[in-house]
Amino acid sequence: MENEQYEQYEYARKRLNQKKSLYFHFVLFLLGSVFLTLGNHFKVFGFESNWSLWVITTWTFLFILHFIKVFITDRFMNKNWEKEQIERLVTQQKRKISQLQTQIEEDSSIKPQ
């Protein structure tokens, strides 16, 4: 029972850190976008093109991937999901081994003596 509570606590702590990291990424994204846009507008870096739009678009894509990882992928593919998948695979392997043993026994009984 104590081990299960510890696992639940660790999972909750991990999820909290993931969300905290995502929120920090979002704030950094907003501030960075503002500074990049201002830098582009005042040509701080000497480029004439609208380069900040490409940087912000790329950063938006990366943020969306981070969001998907935190709120979709890791939410459903947690420890319980891993345990279920392992149990399913072990069951399949046991069934295949049992089928092979049955086939070997049948083949050995069919052979003429």
PDB file of N, CA and C in Angstrom:
ATOM      1  N   MET A   1       0.831  -1.188   0.000  1.00  0.00           N
ATOM      2  CA  MET A   1       0.000   0.000   0.000  1.00  0.00           C
ATOM      3  C   MET A   1       0.878   1.255   0.000  1.00  0.00           C
ATOM      4  N   GLU A   2       1.920   1.238   0.801  1.00  0.00           N
ATOM      5  CA  GLU A   2       2.798   2.406   0.908  1.00  0.00           C
ATOM      6  C   GLU A   2       3.524   2.656  -0.410  1.00  0.00           C
ATOM      7  N   ASN A   3       3.940   1.581  -1.079  1.00  0.00           N
ATOM      8  CA  ASN A   3       4.622   1.708  -2.356  1.00  0.00           C
ATOM      9  C   ASN A   3       3.695   2.326  -3.415  1.00  0.00           C
ATOM     10  N   GLU A   4       2.433   1.932  -3.391  1.00  0.00           N
ATOM     11  CA  GLU A   4       1.463   2.475  -4.339  1.00  0.00           C
ATOM     12  C   GLU A   4       1.245   3.970  -4.095  1.00  0.00           C
ATOM     13  N   GLN A   5       1.181   4.378  -2.847  1.00  0.00           N
ATOM     14  CA  GLN A   5       1.032   5.801  -2.523  1.00  0.00           C
ATOM     15  C   GLN A   5       2.260   6.589  -2.982  1.00  0.00           C
ATOM     16  N   TYR A   6       3.426   5.999  -2.807  1.00  0.00           N
ATOM     17  CA  TYR A   6       4.650   6.668  -3.242  1.00  0.00           C
ATOM     18  C   TYR A   6       4.653   6.824  -4.758  1.00  0.00           C
ATOM     19  N   GLU A   7       4.221   5.793  -5.491  1.00  0.00           N
ATOM     20  CA  GLU A   7       4.155   5.877  -6.947  1.00  0.00           C
ATOM     21  C   GLU A   7       3.165   6.950  -7.385  1.00  0.00           C
ATOM     22  N   GLN A   8       2.024   7.024  -6.698  1.00  0.00           N
ATOM     23  CA  GLN A   8       1.044   8.058  -7.024  1.00  0.00           C
ATOM     24  C   GLN A   8       1.612   9.450  -6.758  1.00  0.00           C
ATOM     25  N   TYR A   9       2.328   9.594  -5.647  1.00  0.00           N
ATOM     26  CA  TYR A   9       2.953  10.877  -5.325  1.00  0.00           C
ATOM     27  C   TYR A   9       3.992  11.249  -6.375  1.00  0.00           C
ATOM     28  N   GLU A  10       4.819  10.290  -6.770  1.00  0.00           N
ATOM     29  CA  GLU A  10       5.857  10.558  -7.771  1.00  0.00           C
ATOM     30  C   GLU A  10       5.239  10.920  -9.120  1.00  0.00           C
ATOM     31  N   TYR A  11       4.154  10.237  -9.483  1.00  0.00           N
ATOM     32  CA  TYR A  11       3.478  10.552 -10.730  1.00  0.00           C
ATOM     33  C   TYR A  11       2.900  11.969 -10.678  1.00  0.00           C
ATOM     34  N   ALA A  12       2.263  12.315  -9.571  1.00  0.00           N
ATOM     35  CA  ALA A  12       1.698  13.661  -9.421  1.00  0.00           C
ATOM     36  C   ALA A  12       2.798  14.718  -9.462  1.00  0.00           C
ATOM     37  N   ARG A  13       3.921  14.440  -8.821  1.00  0.00           N
ATOM     38  CA  ARG A  13       5.030  15.388  -8.813  1.00  0.00           C
ATOM     39  C   ARG A  13       5.598  15.561 -10.222  1.00  0.00           C
ATOM     40  N   LYS A  14       5.718  14.462 -10.947  1.00  0.00           N
ATOM     41  CA  LYS A  14       6.229  14.513 -12.317  1.00  0.00           C
ATOM     42  C   LYS A  14       5.288  15.317 -13.203  1.00  0.00           C
ATOM     43  N   ARG A  15       3.974  15.079 -13.088  1.00  0.00           N
ATOM     44  CA  ARG A  15       2.997  15.818 -13.892  1.00  0.00           C
ATOM     45  C   ARG A  15       3.022  17.302 -13.556  1.00  0.00           C
ATOM     46  N   LEU A  16       3.159  17.627 -12.275  1.00  0.00           N
ATOM     47  CA  LEU A  16       3.233  19.029 -11.871  1.00  0.00           C
ATOM     48  C   LEU A  16       4.458  19.705 -12.478  1.00  0.00           C
ATOM     49  N   ASN A  17       5.595  19.019 -12.461  1.00  0.00           N
ATOM     50  CA  ASN A  17       6.808  19.580 -13.057  1.00  0.00           C
ATOM     51  C   ASN A  17       6.656  19.746 -14.570  1.00  0.00           C
ATOM     52  N   GLN A  18       5.980  18.810 -15.230  1.00  0.00           N
ATOM     53  CA  GLN A  18       5.746  18.937 -16.664  1.00  0.00           C
ATOM     54  C   GLN A  18       4.888  20.162 -16.976  1.00  0.00           C
ATOM     55  N   LYS A  19       3.825  20.341 -16.214  1.00  0.00           N
ATOM     56  CA  LYS A  19       2.942  21.484 -16.439  1.00  0.00           C
ATOM     57  C   LYS A  19       3.654  22.791 -16.130  1.00  0.00           C
ATOM     58  N   LYS A  20       4.422  22.794 -15.056  1.00  0.00           N
ATOM     59  CA  LYS A  20       5.185  23.981 -14.679  1.00  0.00           C
ATOM     60  C   LYS A  20       6.161  24.352 -15.797  1.00  0.00           C
ATOM     61  N   SER A  21       6.829  23.372 -16.349  1.00  0.00           N
ATOM     62  CA  SER A  21       7.764  23.592 -17.448  1.00  0.00           C
ATOM     63  C   SER A  21       7.038  24.138 -18.680  1.00  0.00           C
ATOM     64  N   LEU A  22       5.854  23.595 -18.967  1.00  0.00           N
ATOM     65  CA  LEU A  22       5.072  24.073 -20.108  1.00  0.00           C
ATOM     66  C   LEU A  22       4.653  25.528 -19.910  1.00  0.00           C
ATOM     67  N   TYR A  23       4.193  25.890 -18.720  1.00  0.00           N
ATOM     68  CA  TYR A  23       3.793  27.274 -18.457  1.00  0.00           C
ATOM     69  C   TYR A  23       4.986  28.222 -18.577  1.00  0.00           C
ATOM     70  N   PHE A  24       6.134  27.787 -18.083  1.00  0.00           N
ATOM     71  CA  PHE A  24       7.341  28.601 -18.218  1.00  0.00           C
ATOM     72  C   PHE A  24       7.695  28.772 -19.698  1.00  0.00           C
ATOM     73  N   HIS A  25       7.585  27.694 -20.473  1.00  0.00           N
ATOM     74  CA  HIS A  25       7.850  27.747 -21.902  1.00  0.00           C
ATOM     75  C   HIS A  25       6.897  28.746 -22.578  1.00  0.00           C
ATOM     76  N   PHE A  26       5.630  28.750 -22.166  1.00  0.00           N
ATOM     77  CA  PHE A  26       4.653  29.660 -22.750  1.00  0.00           C
ATOM     78  C   PHE A  26       5.006  31.116 -22.449  1.00  0.00           C
ATOM     79  N   VAL A  27       5.344  31.419 -21.205  1.00  0.00           N
ATOM     80  CA  VAL A  27       5.721  32.793 -20.845  1.00  0.00           C
ATOM     81  C   VAL A  27       6.975  33.205 -21.606  1.00  0.00           C
ATOM     82  N   LEU A  28       7.952  32.322 -21.670  1.00  0.00           N
ATOM     83  CA  LEU A  28       9.173  32.602 -22.413  1.00  0.00           C
ATOM     84  C   LEU A  28       8.865  32.827 -23.893  1.00  0.00           C
ATOM     85  N   PHE A  29       7.955  32.042 -24.431  1.00  0.00           N
ATOM     86  CA  PHE A  29       7.528  32.192 -25.820  1.00  0.00           C
ATOM     87  C   PHE A  29       6.907  33.570 -26.052  1.00  0.00           C
ATOM     88  N   LEU A  30       6.006  33.990 -25.159  1.00  0.00           N
ATOM     89  CA  LEU A  30       5.362  35.293 -25.319  1.00  0.00           C
ATOM     90  C   LEU A  30       6.377  36.436 -25.251  1.00  0.00           C
ATOM     91  N   LEU A  31       7.216  36.413 -24.227  1.00  0.00           N
ATOM     92  CA  LEU A  31       8.224  37.471 -24.090  1.00  0.00           C
ATOM     93  C   LEU A  31       9.211  37.449 -25.250  1.00  0.00           C
ATOM     94  N   GLY A  32       9.654  36.267 -25.630  1.00  0.00           N
ATOM     95  CA  GLY A  32      10.588  36.143 -26.745  1.00  0.00           C
ATOM     96  C   GLY A  32       9.984  36.648 -28.042  1.00  0.00           C
ATOM     97  N   SER A  33       8.698  36.348 -28.260  1.00  0.00           N
ATOM     98  CA  SER A  33       8.028  36.803 -29.476  1.00  0.00           C
ATOM     99  C   SER A  33       7.961  38.327 -29.534  1.00  0.00           C
ATOM    100  N   VAL A  34       7.668  38.925 -28.387  1.00  0.00           N
ATOM    101  CA  VAL A  34       7.624  40.395 -28.337  1.00  0.00           C
ATOM    102  C   VAL A  34       8.994  40.972 -28.660  1.00  0.00           C
ATOM    103  N   PHE A  35      10.035  40.475 -28.022  1.00  0.00           N
ATOM    104  CA  PHE A  35      11.388  40.992 -28.263  1.00  0.00           C
ATOM    105  C   PHE A  35      11.857  40.723 -29.695  1.00  0.00           C
ATOM    106  N   LEU A  36      11.531  39.558 -30.236  1.00  0.00           N
ATOM    107  CA  LEU A  36      11.910  39.267 -31.617  1.00  0.00           C
ATOM    108  C   LEU A  36      11.194  40.207 -32.597  1.00  0.00           C
ATOM    109  N   THR A  37       9.909  40.442 -32.349  1.00  0.00           N
ATOM    110  CA  THR A  37       9.155  41.343 -33.217  1.00  0.00           C
ATOM    111  C   THR A  37       9.715  42.762 -33.135  1.00  0.00           C
ATOM    112  N   LEU A  38      10.001  43.230 -31.918  1.00  0.00           N
ATOM    113  CA  LEU A  38      10.588  44.563 -31.762  1.00  0.00           C
ATOM    114  C   LEU A  38      11.972  44.628 -32.408  1.00  0.00           C
ATOM    115  N   GLY A  39      12.763  43.581 -32.222  1.00  0.00           N
ATOM    116  CA  GLY A  39      14.093  43.548 -32.830  1.00  0.00           C
ATOM    117  C   GLY A  39      14.018  43.584 -34.344  1.00  0.00           C
ATOM    118  N   ASN A  40      13.047  42.899 -34.893  1.00  0.00           N
ATOM    119  CA  ASN A  40      12.871  42.908 -36.345  1.00  0.00           C
ATOM    120  C   ASN A  40      12.388  44.276 -36.829  1.00  0.00           C
ATOM    121  N   HIS A  41      11.458  44.866 -36.075  1.00  0.00           N
ATOM    122  CA  HIS A  41      10.899  46.159 -36.471  1.00  0.00           C
ATOM    123  C   HIS A  41      11.975  47.255 -36.482  1.00  0.00           C
ATOM    124  N   PHE A  42      12.815  47.258 -35.465  1.00  0.00           N
ATOM    125  CA  PHE A  42      13.865  48.283 -35.365  1.00  0.00           C
ATOM    126  C   PHE A  42      15.181  47.843 -36.004  1.00  0.00           C
ATOM    127  N   LYS A  43      15.148  46.688 -36.663  1.00  0.00           N
ATOM    128  CA  LYS A  43      16.313  46.155 -37.387  1.00  0.00           C
ATOM    129  C   LYS A  43      17.562  46.111 -36.498  1.00  0.00           C
ATOM    130  N   VAL A  44      17.361  45.611 -35.293  1.00  0.00           N
ATOM    131  CA  VAL A  44      18.441  45.508 -34.307  1.00  0.00           C
ATOM    132  C   VAL A  44      19.551  44.590 -34.810  1.00  0.00           C
ATOM    133  N   PHE A  45      19.180  43.506 -35.488  1.00  0.00           N
ATOM    134  CA  PHE A  45      20.169  42.528 -35.925  1.00  0.00           C
ATOM    135  C   PHE A  45      20.656  42.771 -37.353  1.00  0.00           C
ATOM    136  N   GLY A  46      20.157  43.832 -38.000  1.00  0.00           N
ATOM    137  CA  GLY A  46      20.639  44.202 -39.319  1.00  0.00           C
ATOM    138  C   GLY A  46      19.994  43.483 -40.484  1.00  0.00           C
ATOM    139  N   PHE A  47      19.028  42.638 -40.245  1.00  0.00           N
ATOM    140  CA  PHE A  47      18.358  41.932 -41.334  1.00  0.00           C
ATOM    141  C   PHE A  47      17.215  42.782 -41.870  1.00  0.00           C
ATOM    142  N   GLU A  48      17.023  42.743 -43.169  1.00  0.00           N
ATOM    143  CA  GLU A  48      15.972  43.548 -43.797  1.00  0.00           C
ATOM    144  C   GLU A  48      14.650  42.786 -43.904  1.00  0.00           C
ATOM    145  N   SER A  49      14.706  41.459 -43.975  1.00  0.00           N
ATOM    146  CA  SER A  49      13.488  40.673 -44.176  1.00  0.00           C
ATOM    147  C   SER A  49      12.723  40.518 -42.860  1.00  0.00           C
ATOM    148  N   ASN A  50      11.549  39.934 -42.991  1.00  0.00           N
ATOM    149  CA  ASN A  50      10.699  39.703 -41.819  1.00  0.00           C
ATOM    150  C   ASN A  50      11.065  38.356 -41.189  1.00  0.00           C
ATOM    151  N   TRP A  51      12.283  38.231 -40.692  1.00  0.00           N
ATOM    152  CA  TRP A  51      12.811  36.982 -40.150  1.00  0.00           C
ATOM    153  C   TRP A  51      12.139  36.570 -38.851  1.00  0.00           C
ATOM    154  N   SER A  52      11.656  37.541 -38.062  1.00  0.00           N
ATOM    155  CA  SER A  52      11.060  37.192 -36.766  1.00  0.00           C
ATOM    156  C   SER A  52       9.807  36.337 -36.943  1.00  0.00           C
ATOM    157  N   LEU A  53       9.099  36.550 -38.043  1.00  0.00           N
ATOM    158  CA  LEU A  53       7.906  35.746 -38.301  1.00  0.00           C
ATOM    159  C   LEU A  53       8.264  34.271 -38.434  1.00  0.00           C
ATOM    160  N   TRP A  54       9.370  33.966 -39.103  1.00  0.00           N
ATOM    161  CA  TRP A  54       9.811  32.572 -39.262  1.00  0.00           C
ATOM    162  C   TRP A  54      10.261  31.977 -37.941  1.00  0.00           C
ATOM    163  N   VAL A  55      10.972  32.762 -37.155  1.00  0.00           N
ATOM    164  CA  VAL A  55      11.434  32.269 -35.849  1.00  0.00           C
ATOM    165  C   VAL A  55      10.240  32.003 -34.941  1.00  0.00           C
ATOM    166  N   ILE A  56       9.296  32.928 -34.907  1.00  0.00           N
ATOM    167  CA  ILE A  56       8.108  32.772 -34.049  1.00  0.00           C
ATOM    168  C   ILE A  56       7.255  31.598 -34.527  1.00  0.00           C
ATOM    169  N   THR A  57       7.134  31.413 -35.829  1.00  0.00           N
ATOM    170  CA  THR A  57       6.367  30.277 -36.363  1.00  0.00           C
ATOM    171  C   THR A  57       7.008  28.949 -35.955  1.00  0.00           C
ATOM    172  N   THR A  58       8.330  28.876 -36.075  1.00  0.00           N
ATOM    173  CA  THR A  58       9.039  27.662 -35.656  1.00  0.00           C
ATOM    174  C   THR A  58       8.876  27.421 -34.164  1.00  0.00           C
ATOM    175  N   TRP A  59       8.989  28.483 -33.385  1.00  0.00           N
ATOM    176  CA  TRP A  59       8.847  28.375 -31.940  1.00  0.00           C
ATOM    177  C   TRP A  59       7.423  27.960 -31.579  1.00  0.00           C
ATOM    178  N   THR A  60       6.435  28.459 -32.300  1.00  0.00           N
ATOM    179  CA  THR A  60       5.039  28.066 -32.064  1.00  0.00           C
ATOM    180  C   THR A  60       4.870  26.568 -32.292  1.00  0.00           C
ATOM    181  N   PHE A  61       5.468  26.062 -33.363  1.00  0.00           N
ATOM    182  CA  PHE A  61       5.397  24.632 -33.651  1.00  0.00           C
ATOM    183  C   PHE A  61       6.015  23.822 -32.512  1.00  0.00           C
ATOM    184  N   LEU A  62       7.178  24.257 -32.022  1.00  0.00           N
ATOM    185  CA  LEU A  62       7.831  23.555 -30.914  1.00  0.00           C
ATOM    186  C   LEU A  62       6.987  23.618 -29.643  1.00  0.00           C
ATOM    187  N   PHE A  63       6.362  24.767 -29.393  1.00  0.00           N
ATOM    188  CA  PHE A  63       5.498  24.885 -28.218  1.00  0.00           C
ATOM    189  C   PHE A  63       4.295  23.946 -28.336  1.00  0.00           C
ATOM    190  N   ILE A  64       3.722  23.847 -29.527  1.00  0.00           N
ATOM    191  CA  ILE A  64       2.584  22.942 -29.728  1.00  0.00           C
ATOM    192  C   ILE A  64       3.007  21.494 -29.467  1.00  0.00           C
ATOM    193  N   LEU A  65       4.193  21.119 -29.926  1.00  0.00           N
ATOM    194  CA  LEU A  65       4.693  19.770 -29.641  1.00  0.00           C
ATOM    195  C   LEU A  65       4.850  19.544 -28.139  1.00  0.00           C
ATOM    196  N   HIS A  66       5.366  20.550 -27.425  1.00  0.00           N
ATOM    197  CA  HIS A  66       5.518  20.456 -25.977  1.00  0.00           C
ATOM    198  C   HIS A  66       4.144  20.304 -25.322  1.00  0.00           C
ATOM    199  N   PHE A  67       3.170  21.083 -25.767  1.00  0.00           N
ATOM    200  CA  PHE A  67       1.811  21.013 -25.233  1.00  0.00           C
ATOM    201  C   PHE A  67       1.223  19.619 -25.442  1.00  0.00           C
ATOM    202  N   ILE A  68       1.377  19.077 -26.655  1.00  0.00           N
ATOM    203  CA  ILE A  68       0.857  17.739 -26.961  1.00  0.00           C
ATOM    204  C   ILE A  68       1.501  16.693 -26.061  1.00  0.00           C
ATOM    205  N   LYS A  69       2.802  16.815 -25.854  1.00  0.00           N
ATOM    206  CA  LYS A  69       3.500  15.861 -24.994  1.00  0.00           C
ATOM    207  C   LYS A  69       2.956  15.892 -23.573  1.00  0.00           C
ATOM    208  N   VAL A  70       2.746  17.083 -23.034  1.00  0.00           N
ATOM    209  CA  VAL A  70       2.313  17.208 -21.636  1.00  0.00           C
ATOM    210  C   VAL A  70       0.846  16.825 -21.456  1.00  0.00           C
ATOM    211  N   PHE A  71      -0.040  17.349 -22.297  1.00  0.00           N
ATOM    212  CA  PHE A  71      -1.470  17.185 -22.053  1.00  0.00           C
ATOM    213  C   PHE A  71      -2.122  16.045 -22.812  1.00  0.00           C
ATOM    214  N   ILE A  72      -1.447  15.471 -23.786  1.00  0.00           N
ATOM    215  CA  ILE A  72      -2.066  14.377 -24.526  1.00  0.00           C
ATOM    216  C   ILE A  72      -1.265  13.090 -24.364  1.00  0.00           C
ATOM    217  N   THR A  73      -0.030  13.100 -24.828  1.00  0.00           N
ATOM    218  CA  THR A  73       0.771  11.880 -24.826  1.00  0.00           C
ATOM    219  C   THR A  73       1.038  11.361 -23.413  1.00  0.00           C
ATOM    220  N   ASP A  74       1.615  12.197 -22.555  1.00  0.00           N
ATOM    221  CA  ASP A  74       1.976  11.739 -21.207  1.00  0.00           C
ATOM    222  C   ASP A  74       0.762  11.517 -20.320  1.00  0.00           C
ATOM    223  N   ARG A  75      -0.335  12.153 -20.641  1.00  0.00           N
ATOM    224  CA  ARG A  75      -1.537  11.964 -19.836  1.00  0.00           C
ATOM    225  C   ARG A  75      -2.099  10.558 -20.013  1.00  0.00           C
ATOM    226  N   PHE A  76      -2.043  10.062 -21.242  1.00  0.00           N
ATOM    227  CA  PHE A  76      -2.624   8.746 -21.513  1.00  0.00           C
ATOM    228  C   PHE A  76      -1.596   7.627 -21.451  1.00  0.00           C
ATOM    229  N   MET A  77      -0.351   7.942 -21.741  1.00  0.00           N
ATOM    230  CA  MET A  77       0.683   6.912 -21.764  1.00  0.00           C
ATOM    231  C   MET A  77       1.530   7.006 -20.495  1.00  0.00           C
ATOM    232  N   ASN A  78       0.884   6.790 -19.374  1.00  0.00           N
ATOM    233  CA  ASN A  78       1.565   6.872 -18.081  1.00  0.00           C
ATOM    234  C   ASN A  78       1.955   5.469 -17.611  1.00  0.00           C
ATOM    235  N   LYS A  79       2.291   5.367 -16.348  1.00  0.00           N
ATOM    236  CA  LYS A  79       2.746   4.079 -15.788  1.00  0.00           C
ATOM    237  C   LYS A  79       1.683   2.986 -15.930  1.00  0.00           C
ATOM    238  N   ASN A  80       0.423   3.341 -15.696  1.00  0.00           N
ATOM    239  CA  ASN A  80      -0.638   2.330 -15.824  1.00  0.00           C
ATOM    240  C   ASN A  80      -0.723   1.807 -17.249  1.00  0.00           C
ATOM    241  N   TRP A  81      -0.603   2.692 -18.216  1.00  0.00           N
ATOM    242  CA  TRP A  81      -0.624   2.286 -19.620  1.00  0.00           C
ATOM    243  C   TRP A  81       0.542   1.358 -19.912  1.00  0.00           C
ATOM    244  N   GLU A  82       1.726   1.708 -19.399  1.00  0.00           N
ATOM    245  CA  GLU A  82       2.911   0.869 -19.606  1.00  0.00           C
ATOM    246  C   GLU A  82       2.696  -0.526 -19.011  1.00  0.00           C
ATOM    247  N   LYS A  83       2.152  -0.576 -17.800  1.00  0.00           N
ATOM    248  CA  LYS A  83       1.904  -1.874 -17.155  1.00  0.00           C
ATOM    249  C   LYS A  83       0.922  -2.708 -17.972  1.00  0.00           C
ATOM    250  N   GLU A  84      -0.144  -2.089 -18.457  1.00  0.00           N
ATOM    251  CA  GLU A  84      -1.130  -2.809 -19.262  1.00  0.00           C
ATOM    252  C   GLU A  84      -0.505  -3.346 -20.548  1.00  0.00           C
ATOM    253  N   GLN A  85       0.337  -2.549 -21.186  1.00  0.00           N
ATOM    254  CA  GLN A  85       0.980  -2.988 -22.425  1.00  0.00           C
ATOM    255  C   GLN A  85       1.932  -4.148 -22.161  1.00  0.00           C
ATOM    256  N   ILE A  86       2.679  -4.073 -21.076  1.00  0.00           N
ATOM    257  CA  ILE A  86       3.600  -5.156 -20.723  1.00  0.00           C
ATOM    258  C   ILE A  86       2.819  -6.435 -20.436  1.00  0.00           C
ATOM    259  N   GLU A  87       1.741  -6.329 -19.657  1.00  0.00           N
ATOM    260  CA  GLU A  87       0.925  -7.502 -19.350  1.00  0.00           C
ATOM    261  C   GLU A  87       0.333  -8.111 -20.623  1.00  0.00           C
ATOM    262  N   ARG A  88      -0.113  -7.251 -21.540  1.00  0.00           N
ATOM    263  CA  ARG A  88      -0.682  -7.729 -22.795  1.00  0.00           C
ATOM    264  C   ARG A  88       0.370  -8.475 -23.616  1.00  0.00           C
ATOM    265  N   LEU A  89       1.570  -7.907 -23.701  1.00  0.00           N
ATOM    266  CA  LEU A  89       2.641  -8.553 -24.468  1.00  0.00           C
ATOM    267  C   LEU A  89       3.083  -9.869 -23.833  1.00  0.00           C
ATOM    268  N   VAL A  90       3.176  -9.892 -22.515  1.00  0.00           N
ATOM    269  CA  VAL A  90       3.556 -11.129 -21.820  1.00  0.00           C
ATOM    270  C   VAL A  90       2.496 -12.197 -22.048  1.00  0.00           C
ATOM    271  N   THR A  91       1.239 -11.822 -21.997  1.00  0.00           N
ATOM    272  CA  THR A  91       0.156 -12.772 -22.247  1.00  0.00           C
ATOM    273  C   THR A  91       0.236 -13.329 -23.663  1.00  0.00           C
ATOM    274  N   GLN A  92       0.505 -12.456 -24.630  1.00  0.00           N
ATOM    275  CA  GLN A  92       0.656 -12.919 -26.013  1.00  0.00           C
ATOM    276  C   GLN A  92       1.822 -13.898 -26.147  1.00  0.00           C
ATOM    277  N   GLN A  93       2.928 -13.594 -25.519  1.00  0.00           N
ATOM    278  CA  GLN A  93       4.090 -14.484 -25.579  1.00  0.00           C
ATOM    279  C   GLN A  93       3.780 -15.828 -24.944  1.00  0.00           C
ATOM    280  N   LYS A  94       3.120 -15.827 -23.812  1.00  0.00           N
ATOM    281  CA  LYS A  94       2.762 -17.080 -23.145  1.00  0.00           C
ATOM    282  C   LYS A  94       1.828 -17.904 -24.033  1.00  0.00           C
ATOM    283  N   ARG A  95       0.891 -17.247 -24.681  1.00  0.00           N
ATOM    284  CA  ARG A  95      -0.040 -17.950 -25.563  1.00  0.00           C
ATOM    285  C   ARG A  95       0.707 -18.572 -26.741  1.00  0.00           C
ATOM    286  N   LYS A  96       1.647 -17.826 -27.334  1.00  0.00           N
ATOM    287  CA  LYS A  96       2.429 -18.368 -28.453  1.00  0.00           C
ATOM    288  C   LYS A  96       3.285 -19.547 -28.005  1.00  0.00           C
ATOM    289  N   ILE A  97       3.892 -19.446 -26.832  1.00  0.00           N
ATOM    290  CA  ILE A  97       4.697 -20.548 -26.297  1.00  0.00           C
ATOM    291  C   ILE A  97       3.823 -21.770 -26.073  1.00  0.00           C
ATOM    292  N   SER A  98       2.643 -21.561 -25.525  1.00  0.00           N
ATOM    293  CA  SER A  98       1.718 -22.664 -25.290  1.00  0.00           C
ATOM    294  C   SER A  98       1.311 -23.317 -26.611  1.00  0.00           C
ATOM    295  N   GLN A  99       1.041 -22.501 -27.632  1.00  0.00           N
ATOM    296  CA  GLN A  99       0.689 -23.044 -28.938  1.00  0.00           C
ATOM    297  C   GLN A  99       1.838 -23.850 -29.529  1.00  0.00           C
ATOM    298  N   LEU A 100       3.051 -23.348 -29.399  1.00  0.00           N
ATOM    299  CA  LEU A 100       4.217 -24.073 -29.909  1.00  0.00           C
ATOM    300  C   LEU A 100       4.418 -25.392 -29.174  1.00  0.00           C
ATOM    301  N   GLN A 101       4.233 -25.377 -27.850  1.00  0.00           N
ATOM    302  CA  GLN A 101       4.367 -26.615 -27.080  1.00  0.00           C
ATOM    303  C   GLN A 101       3.318 -27.636 -27.503  1.00  0.00           C
ATOM    304  N   THR A 102       2.110 -27.166 -27.709  1.00  0.00           N
ATOM    305  CA  THR A 102       1.039 -28.059 -28.154  1.00  0.00           C
ATOM    306  C   THR A 102       1.368 -28.641 -29.527  1.00  0.00           C
ATOM    307  N   GLN A 103       1.864 -27.795 -30.414  1.00  0.00           N
ATOM    308  CA  GLN A 103       2.218 -28.254 -31.757  1.00  0.00           C
ATOM    309  C   GLN A 103       3.363 -29.268 -31.699  1.00  0.00           C
ATOM    310  N   ILE A 104       4.341 -29.029 -30.863  1.00  0.00           N
ATOM    311  CA  ILE A 104       5.464 -29.966 -30.716  1.00  0.00           C
ATOM    312  C   ILE A 104       4.969 -31.300 -30.181  1.00  0.00           C
ATOM    313  N   GLU A 105       4.093 -31.261 -29.190  1.00  0.00           N
ATOM    314  CA  GLU A 105       3.545 -32.490 -28.621  1.00  0.00           C
ATOM    315  C   GLU A 105       2.739 -33.266 -29.665  1.00  0.00           C
ATOM    316  N   GLU A 106       1.961 -32.548 -30.462  1.00  0.00           N
ATOM    317  CA  GLU A 106       1.176 -33.207 -31.508  1.00  0.00           C
ATOM    318  C   GLU A 106       2.090 -33.806 -32.566  1.00  0.00           C
ATOM    319  N   ASP A 107       3.121 -33.069 -32.953  1.00  0.00           N
ATOM    320  CA  ASP A 107       4.061 -33.564 -33.962  1.00  0.00           C
ATOM    321  C   ASP A 107       4.817 -34.787 -33.451  1.00  0.00           C
ATOM    322  N   SER A 108       5.171 -34.784 -32.182  1.00  0.00           N
ATOM    323  CA  SER A 108       5.912 -35.911 -31.642  1.00  0.00           C
ATOM    324  C   SER A 108       5.017 -37.153 -31.484  1.00  0.00           C
ATOM    325  N   SER A 109       3.737 -36.956 -31.267  1.00  0.00           N
ATOM    326  CA  SER A 109       2.830 -38.097 -31.140  1.00  0.00           C
ATOM    327  C   SER A 109       2.425 -38.658 -32.503  1.00  0.00           C
ATOM    328  N   ILE A 110       2.526 -37.889 -33.531  1.00  0.00           N
ATOM    329  CA  ILE A 110       2.148 -38.322 -34.878  1.00  0.00           C
ATOM    330  C   ILE A 110       3.260 -39.152 -35.521  1.00  0.00           C
ATOM    331  N   LYS A 111       4.499 -38.887 -35.213  1.00  0.00           N
ATOM    332  CA  LYS A 111       5.637 -39.595 -35.818  1.00  0.00           C
ATOM    333  C   LYS A 111       5.515 -41.097 -35.601  1.00  0.00           C
ATOM    334  N   PRO A 112       5.752 -41.848 -36.662  1.00  0.00           N
ATOM    335  CA  PRO A 112       5.684 -43.321 -36.496  1.00  0.00           C
ATOM    336  C   PRO A 112       6.874 -43.811 -35.680  1.00  0.00           C
ATOM    337  N   GLN A 113       6.646 -44.842 -34.921  1.00  0.00           N
ATOM    338  CA  GLN A 113       7.684 -45.365 -34.032  1.00  0.00           C
ATOM    339  C   GLN A 113       8.265 -46.639 -34.531  1.00  0.00           C
TER     340      GLN A 113
END
